[in-house]
Each structure stands twice: as C-alpha cells, then as structure tokens.
Amino acid sequence: MANLNITEGLREIATRLTDAAAIAKAAVTCAESGSEREAVRLSLDLDELLSEAETLTGR
C-alpha cells in the first residue's frame, strides 16, 4: 500500500471508517438490548480499523 495515490488512500480510509461505524452501531444495538458483554467485544474490534485509518493518514 506504499504506492497509493491520494484517491486510493482516501477510499481506503473511507472504507475503514465505514466499517468502524457499522461495528459501532452494532455495539450500540447490543448495549441497548442488554448485551453489554457483546457490545464491549464488538467495540474492541474498532481499535484495529481506526488504527489502520490513522496509519493511512500518515499520523
């Protein structure tokens, strides 16, 4: 991925953030329905996606 152009890089970031948003929504749904353990488990999956998105921004 070192040779991504700006458009490809932005698409990669957008994909990871979209995936993270879907996971966050699922975690909220679990928490609201009383499945707090599942919500926490799902929220742990956010770390990798957000870290990847941050790496792609060059920070």
N, C-alpha and C. Protein backbone atom coordinates (compact mmCIF):
# COMPACT_ATOMS: atom_id res chain seq x y z
N MET A 1 0.80 -1.19 0.00
CA MET A 1 0.00 0.00 0.00
C MET A 1 0.85 1.27 0.00
N ALA A 2 2.13 1.14 -0.08
CA ALA A 2 3.01 2.29 0.00
C ALA A 2 2.88 3.19 -1.22
N ASN A 3 2.39 2.67 -2.33
CA ASN A 3 2.30 3.45 -3.56
C ASN A 3 0.88 3.92 -3.89
N LEU A 4 0.05 4.09 -2.88
CA LEU A 4 -1.31 4.56 -3.12
C LEU A 4 -1.30 6.01 -3.58
N ASN A 5 -2.18 6.32 -4.52
CA ASN A 5 -2.35 7.73 -4.83
C ASN A 5 -3.37 8.31 -3.86
N ILE A 6 -3.60 9.61 -3.90
CA ILE A 6 -4.45 10.25 -2.91
C ILE A 6 -5.88 9.70 -2.95
N THR A 7 -6.41 9.47 -4.14
CA THR A 7 -7.77 8.95 -4.27
C THR A 7 -7.88 7.57 -3.67
N GLU A 8 -6.95 6.71 -3.98
CA GLU A 8 -6.97 5.36 -3.42
C GLU A 8 -6.81 5.39 -1.91
N GLY A 9 -5.94 6.26 -1.43
CA GLY A 9 -5.74 6.39 0.01
C GLY A 9 -7.01 6.83 0.71
N LEU A 10 -7.68 7.81 0.14
CA LEU A 10 -8.92 8.30 0.74
C LEU A 10 -10.01 7.23 0.71
N ARG A 11 -10.05 6.45 -0.36
CA ARG A 11 -11.02 5.34 -0.42
C ARG A 11 -10.75 4.31 0.67
N GLU A 12 -9.48 4.00 0.88
CA GLU A 12 -9.10 3.05 1.93
C GLU A 12 -9.51 3.57 3.31
N ILE A 13 -9.26 4.85 3.55
CA ILE A 13 -9.65 5.45 4.84
C ILE A 13 -11.17 5.40 4.99
N ALA A 14 -11.89 5.80 3.94
CA ALA A 14 -13.35 5.81 3.99
C ALA A 14 -13.92 4.41 4.25
N THR A 15 -13.32 3.41 3.62
CA THR A 15 -13.78 2.03 3.83
C THR A 15 -13.61 1.61 5.28
N ARG A 16 -12.46 1.89 5.85
CA ARG A 16 -12.21 1.51 7.24
C ARG A 16 -13.13 2.26 8.20
N LEU A 17 -13.37 3.53 7.93
CA LEU A 17 -14.26 4.30 8.80
C LEU A 17 -15.71 3.85 8.66
N THR A 18 -16.12 3.48 7.45
CA THR A 18 -17.46 2.94 7.24
C THR A 18 -17.64 1.63 8.00
N ASP A 19 -16.63 0.77 7.92
CA ASP A 19 -16.67 -0.49 8.65
C ASP A 19 -16.72 -0.24 10.16
N ALA A 20 -15.93 0.72 10.62
CA ALA A 20 -15.91 1.04 12.05
C ALA A 20 -17.26 1.57 12.50
N ALA A 21 -17.90 2.40 11.68
CA ALA A 21 -19.22 2.94 12.02
C ALA A 21 -20.25 1.82 12.13
N ALA A 22 -20.18 0.86 11.23
CA ALA A 22 -21.12 -0.27 11.28
C ALA A 22 -20.92 -1.09 12.55
N ILE A 23 -19.68 -1.31 12.93
CA ILE A 23 -19.40 -2.05 14.16
C ILE A 23 -19.88 -1.27 15.37
N ALA A 24 -19.66 0.03 15.38
CA ALA A 24 -20.10 0.87 16.49
C ALA A 24 -21.62 0.83 16.62
N LYS A 25 -22.33 0.89 15.49
CA LYS A 25 -23.80 0.81 15.52
C LYS A 25 -24.26 -0.53 16.07
N ALA A 26 -23.60 -1.60 15.66
CA ALA A 26 -23.95 -2.92 16.18
C ALA A 26 -23.69 -3.01 17.68
N ALA A 27 -22.60 -2.41 18.12
CA ALA A 27 -22.28 -2.40 19.56
C ALA A 27 -23.33 -1.64 20.34
N VAL A 28 -23.78 -0.52 19.81
CA VAL A 28 -24.84 0.26 20.48
C VAL A 28 -26.12 -0.56 20.56
N THR A 29 -26.47 -1.22 19.48
CA THR A 29 -27.68 -2.06 19.47
C THR A 29 -27.59 -3.15 20.53
N CYS A 30 -26.43 -3.79 20.62
CA CYS A 30 -26.23 -4.82 21.64
C CYS A 30 -26.38 -4.24 23.04
N ALA A 31 -25.74 -3.11 23.27
CA ALA A 31 -25.80 -2.49 24.60
C ALA A 31 -27.22 -2.10 24.95
N GLU A 32 -27.95 -1.55 24.01
CA GLU A 32 -29.33 -1.13 24.26
C GLU A 32 -30.26 -2.31 24.53
N SER A 33 -29.90 -3.47 23.97
CA SER A 33 -30.74 -4.65 24.19
C SER A 33 -30.29 -5.45 25.41
N GLY A 34 -29.30 -4.94 26.13
CA GLY A 34 -28.86 -5.59 27.36
C GLY A 34 -27.67 -6.51 27.22
N SER A 35 -27.13 -6.62 26.02
CA SER A 35 -25.97 -7.50 25.78
C SER A 35 -24.69 -6.67 25.88
N GLU A 36 -24.39 -6.21 27.07
CA GLU A 36 -23.24 -5.33 27.24
C GLU A 36 -21.92 -6.04 26.96
N ARG A 37 -21.82 -7.30 27.31
CA ARG A 37 -20.56 -8.03 27.02
C ARG A 37 -20.30 -8.09 25.53
N GLU A 38 -21.34 -8.36 24.76
CA GLU A 38 -21.18 -8.41 23.30
C GLU A 38 -20.83 -7.02 22.77
N ALA A 39 -21.42 -5.99 23.34
CA ALA A 39 -21.12 -4.61 22.93
C ALA A 39 -19.64 -4.30 23.16
N VAL A 40 -19.13 -4.70 24.29
CA VAL A 40 -17.71 -4.47 24.60
C VAL A 40 -16.84 -5.27 23.64
N ARG A 41 -17.20 -6.52 23.38
CA ARG A 41 -16.44 -7.36 22.46
C ARG A 41 -16.39 -6.71 21.08
N LEU A 42 -17.53 -6.23 20.61
CA LEU A 42 -17.56 -5.57 19.30
C LEU A 42 -16.73 -4.30 19.29
N SER A 43 -16.82 -3.54 20.36
CA SER A 43 -16.09 -2.27 20.40
C SER A 43 -14.57 -2.48 20.37
N LEU A 44 -14.12 -3.62 20.85
CA LEU A 44 -12.69 -3.93 20.79
C LEU A 44 -12.21 -4.09 19.35
N ASP A 45 -13.13 -4.48 18.47
CA ASP A 45 -12.79 -4.62 17.05
C ASP A 45 -12.55 -3.26 16.39
N LEU A 46 -13.05 -2.20 17.00
CA LEU A 46 -12.87 -0.87 16.43
C LEU A 46 -11.41 -0.43 16.43
N ASP A 47 -10.66 -0.87 17.41
CA ASP A 47 -9.28 -0.42 17.56
C ASP A 47 -8.46 -0.66 16.31
N GLU A 48 -8.54 -1.85 15.75
CA GLU A 48 -7.73 -2.17 14.58
C GLU A 48 -8.11 -1.31 13.37
N LEU A 49 -9.43 -1.18 13.12
CA LEU A 49 -9.87 -0.39 11.97
C LEU A 49 -9.48 1.08 12.11
N LEU A 50 -9.65 1.62 13.29
CA LEU A 50 -9.30 3.03 13.50
C LEU A 50 -7.79 3.24 13.43
N SER A 51 -7.05 2.27 13.92
CA SER A 51 -5.59 2.36 13.84
C SER A 51 -5.14 2.33 12.38
N GLU A 52 -5.74 1.46 11.58
CA GLU A 52 -5.41 1.38 10.16
C GLU A 52 -5.73 2.69 9.45
N ALA A 53 -6.90 3.26 9.75
CA ALA A 53 -7.28 4.53 9.14
C ALA A 53 -6.29 5.64 9.52
N GLU A 54 -5.89 5.64 10.77
CA GLU A 54 -4.92 6.65 11.22
C GLU A 54 -3.57 6.46 10.53
N THR A 55 -3.15 5.21 10.37
CA THR A 55 -1.89 4.93 9.69
C THR A 55 -1.94 5.44 8.25
N LEU A 56 -3.08 5.26 7.60
CA LEU A 56 -3.22 5.71 6.21
C LEU A 56 -3.16 7.22 6.09
N THR A 57 -3.49 7.94 7.16
CA THR A 57 -3.42 9.40 7.10
C THR A 57 -2.00 9.89 7.27
N GLY A 58 -1.11 9.00 7.69
CA GLY A 58 0.30 9.36 7.87
C GLY A 58 0.62 9.97 9.22
N ARG A 59 -0.28 9.82 10.17
CA ARG A 59 -0.05 10.39 11.50
C ARG A 59 0.64 9.40 12.39
